[in-house]
Amino acid sequence: MSQAVATPARASGVDALPIQKRMELQYEIEQLLYAEAAMIDGRRYREWLDLWTEDCTYWMPIRRTVTLSDIDREFTRRGDMSFYDDDKKSLTMRVAKMESGSSWSEDPPSRTRHIVSNVRILSTEGDEIEIEAAFLLYRSRLNTEESSWVGRRVDRLRRVDGELRICAREIYLDQTLIRATNMSTLF
């Protein structure tokens, strides 16, 4: 999966698909992403977990402000510090904590709105599809707490029993300074 710099659609299985199939695949992917956003915003976290494969990864590197000469160091690398570096087990634990009422950062719960756009299919290989999408995540909590995050996600989707599932997500924030009081939000 790509590290940080957006690239044009790669010469891949996507280009070999007839236009009708590409349009159908694009629609299917977009509907999955919109349904996922509605699940999170509706606090239907167990349904959201069902969208993920058992071997999934969920990773958000830390973005740093660097000079142009060090631009390859703008994002931390896998294995270094990150905001998230989860698998299915840790995502399940996150959800359980949010549902338990014992998570001070989510009781009372946040109100979120996920806006997903600019969905592009980057490549297809076998039963996996790599996509990129832009997102805006707005969160309000309590009476005055508001946060928003903007960025892009690079997802790898896999067909499981005929349905698309998310097997990997990389989340790249546009901002370097996080003003939110916590990062308990799902991206």
Protein backbone atom coordinates (compact mmCIF):
# COMPACT_ATOMS: atom_id res chain seq x y z
CA MET A 1 0.00 0.00 0.00
CA SER A 2 1.17 3.52 -0.65
CA GLN A 3 3.07 5.42 2.04
CA ALA A 4 2.12 9.07 1.78
CA VAL A 5 2.10 10.57 -1.68
CA ALA A 6 -1.01 10.13 -3.80
CA THR A 7 -0.26 8.52 -7.12
CA PRO A 8 -2.27 8.32 -10.30
CA ALA A 9 -4.22 5.12 -10.87
CA ARG A 10 -1.68 2.39 -11.48
CA ALA A 11 -1.63 0.26 -14.57
CA SER A 12 -3.45 -2.67 -13.07
CA GLY A 13 -6.39 -4.98 -13.33
CA VAL A 14 -8.62 -1.89 -13.17
CA ASP A 15 -7.55 -0.74 -16.61
CA ALA A 16 -8.28 -4.16 -18.06
CA LEU A 17 -11.88 -4.15 -16.84
CA PRO A 18 -14.61 -3.21 -19.31
CA ILE A 19 -16.08 0.22 -18.53
CA GLN A 20 -19.39 -1.30 -17.34
CA LYS A 21 -17.56 -3.55 -14.84
CA ARG A 22 -15.43 -0.63 -13.64
CA MET A 23 -18.54 1.47 -13.07
CA GLU A 24 -20.23 -1.38 -11.17
CA LEU A 25 -17.14 -1.92 -9.03
CA GLN A 26 -16.85 1.83 -8.33
CA TYR A 27 -20.50 1.92 -7.26
CA GLU A 28 -20.13 -1.16 -5.04
CA ILE A 29 -17.06 0.33 -3.33
CA GLU A 30 -18.71 3.70 -2.78
CA GLN A 31 -21.81 2.06 -1.31
CA LEU A 32 -19.61 0.07 1.09
CA LEU A 33 -17.81 3.24 2.25
CA TYR A 34 -21.07 5.17 2.68
CA ALA A 35 -22.64 2.29 4.63
CA GLU A 36 -19.53 2.11 6.81
CA ALA A 37 -19.76 5.84 7.56
CA ALA A 38 -23.43 5.48 8.50
CA MET A 39 -22.62 2.58 10.83
CA ILE A 40 -19.99 4.57 12.73
CA ASP A 41 -22.11 7.72 12.87
CA GLY A 42 -25.06 5.62 14.05
CA ARG A 43 -22.89 3.96 16.74
CA ARG A 44 -23.50 0.54 15.17
CA TYR A 45 -19.97 -0.54 16.00
CA ARG A 46 -20.57 -4.31 15.94
CA GLU A 47 -21.92 -4.03 12.38
CA TRP A 48 -18.87 -1.93 11.53
CA LEU A 49 -16.55 -4.65 12.89
CA ASP A 50 -18.26 -7.16 10.60
CA LEU A 51 -16.98 -5.17 7.60
CA TRP A 52 -13.40 -6.07 8.55
CA THR A 53 -11.54 -9.29 7.76
CA GLU A 54 -10.01 -11.32 10.58
CA ASP A 55 -6.47 -10.46 9.40
CA CYS A 56 -7.11 -6.73 9.00
CA THR A 57 -4.77 -3.85 9.81
CA TYR A 58 -5.78 -0.31 10.80
CA TRP A 59 -2.91 2.18 10.84
CA MET A 60 -2.56 5.95 11.20
CA PRO A 61 0.96 7.35 11.13
CA ILE A 62 1.91 10.63 12.75
CA ARG A 63 2.43 13.51 10.35
CA ARG A 64 5.28 15.92 10.96
CA THR A 65 6.06 19.29 9.46
CA VAL A 66 9.33 18.86 7.58
CA THR A 67 11.27 20.76 4.96
CA LEU A 68 11.03 19.78 1.33
CA SER A 69 14.42 18.09 1.53
CA ASP A 70 13.04 15.76 4.25
CA ILE A 71 9.60 15.20 2.73
CA ASP A 72 10.10 11.42 2.77
CA ARG A 73 10.06 11.70 6.60
CA GLU A 74 6.74 13.56 6.72
CA PHE A 75 4.89 10.49 8.00
CA THR A 76 6.17 8.01 10.55
CA ARG A 77 6.77 4.52 9.19
CA ARG A 78 5.26 1.22 10.26
CA GLY A 79 6.91 0.04 13.43
CA ASP A 80 7.54 3.64 14.58
CA MET A 81 5.14 5.72 16.65
CA SER A 82 1.63 6.05 15.24
CA PHE A 83 -1.82 7.15 16.37
CA TYR A 84 -3.26 3.75 15.53
CA ASP A 85 -1.64 0.41 14.76
CA ASP A 86 -4.49 -2.03 15.26
CA ASP A 87 -5.63 -5.45 14.16
CA LYS A 88 -9.07 -7.06 14.43
CA LYS A 89 -8.51 -8.00 18.07
CA SER A 90 -7.58 -4.46 19.13
CA LEU A 91 -10.41 -2.94 17.05
CA THR A 92 -12.81 -5.31 18.81
CA MET A 93 -11.42 -4.24 22.20
CA ARG A 94 -11.82 -0.56 21.22
CA VAL A 95 -15.46 -1.16 20.33
CA ALA A 96 -16.10 -3.13 23.54
CA LYS A 97 -14.66 -0.28 25.60
CA MET A 98 -16.78 2.31 23.77
CA GLU A 99 -19.91 0.22 24.37
CA SER A 100 -19.12 -0.51 28.03
CA GLY A 101 -19.75 2.96 29.42
CA SER A 102 -16.38 2.79 31.20
CA SER A 103 -14.58 4.86 28.58
CA TRP A 104 -14.54 8.41 29.98
CA SER A 105 -13.74 9.78 26.53
CA GLU A 106 -16.97 8.33 25.10
CA ASP A 107 -19.44 8.73 27.95
CA PRO A 108 -21.43 10.69 27.06
CA PRO A 109 -20.78 9.49 23.52
CA SER A 110 -19.47 11.63 20.70
CA ARG A 111 -21.66 12.68 17.81
CA THR A 112 -19.84 12.15 14.52
CA ARG A 113 -20.36 12.75 10.83
CA HIS A 114 -18.10 11.03 8.32
CA ILE A 115 -18.01 12.48 4.82
CA VAL A 116 -16.23 10.33 2.27
CA SER A 117 -15.49 11.45 -1.29
CA ASN A 118 -13.01 11.35 -4.18
CA VAL A 119 -13.09 7.56 -4.16
CA ARG A 120 -10.59 6.13 -6.63
CA ILE A 121 -9.74 2.56 -7.46
CA LEU A 122 -5.94 2.35 -7.50
CA SER A 123 -5.44 -1.30 -8.38
CA THR A 124 -6.97 -4.74 -8.43
CA GLU A 125 -5.05 -7.93 -7.90
CA GLY A 126 -6.76 -11.26 -7.48
CA ASP A 127 -9.58 -10.83 -4.98
CA GLU A 128 -8.15 -7.60 -3.52
CA ILE A 129 -8.76 -3.99 -4.52
CA GLU A 130 -6.74 -1.00 -3.39
CA ILE A 131 -8.66 2.27 -3.16
CA GLU A 132 -8.08 5.81 -2.00
CA ALA A 133 -10.69 8.20 -0.61
CA ALA A 134 -10.74 11.65 0.92
CA PHE A 135 -12.55 12.13 4.22
CA LEU A 136 -13.82 14.80 6.55
CA LEU A 137 -14.67 13.66 10.06
CA TYR A 138 -16.57 16.05 12.33
CA ARG A 139 -17.07 15.21 16.00
CA SER A 140 -18.94 17.05 18.72
CA ARG A 141 -19.11 15.98 22.34
CA LEU A 142 -20.63 17.42 25.47
CA ASN A 143 -21.92 20.97 24.91
CA THR A 144 -18.88 22.75 23.53
CA GLU A 145 -16.27 20.23 22.43
CA GLU A 146 -15.79 20.08 18.65
CA SER A 147 -13.08 18.44 16.56
CA SER A 148 -12.55 17.77 12.90
CA TRP A 149 -10.06 15.78 10.93
CA VAL A 150 -9.39 15.92 7.20
CA GLY A 151 -7.28 13.54 5.20
CA ARG A 152 -7.18 10.55 2.96
CA ARG A 153 -7.51 6.85 3.50
CA VAL A 154 -5.90 4.08 1.50
CA ASP A 155 -7.91 0.91 1.91
CA ARG A 156 -7.41 -2.60 0.69
CA LEU A 157 -10.66 -4.45 0.14
CA ARG A 158 -11.07 -8.18 -0.29
CA ARG A 159 -13.94 -10.22 -1.60
CA VAL A 160 -15.07 -12.68 1.09
CA ASP A 161 -18.00 -14.96 0.24
CA GLY A 162 -18.91 -12.60 -2.60
CA GLU A 163 -18.96 -9.46 -0.40
CA LEU A 164 -16.35 -6.72 -0.13
CA ARG A 165 -14.64 -6.53 3.25
CA ILE A 166 -11.92 -4.18 4.49
CA CYS A 167 -8.61 -5.93 5.07
CA ALA A 168 -6.37 -2.87 5.53
CA ARG A 169 -6.72 0.84 6.16
CA GLU A 170 -4.05 3.53 6.25
CA ILE A 171 -5.23 6.95 7.46
CA TYR A 172 -3.22 10.03 6.50
CA LEU A 173 -4.28 13.24 8.25
CA ASP A 174 -3.72 16.57 6.55
CA GLN A 175 -3.04 18.30 9.85
CA THR A 176 0.02 17.85 12.03
CA LEU A 177 -1.42 19.37 15.20
CA ILE A 178 -4.33 17.46 16.78
CA ARG A 179 -6.42 19.83 18.88
CA ALA A 180 -8.90 17.15 19.99
CA THR A 181 -8.92 16.17 23.65
CA ASN A 182 -8.74 12.50 22.69
CA MET A 183 -8.49 10.20 19.68
CA SER A 184 -11.27 7.76 20.53
CA THR A 185 -12.95 8.31 17.18
CA LEU A 186 -13.05 5.68 14.46
CA PHE A 187 -11.85 6.82 11.06
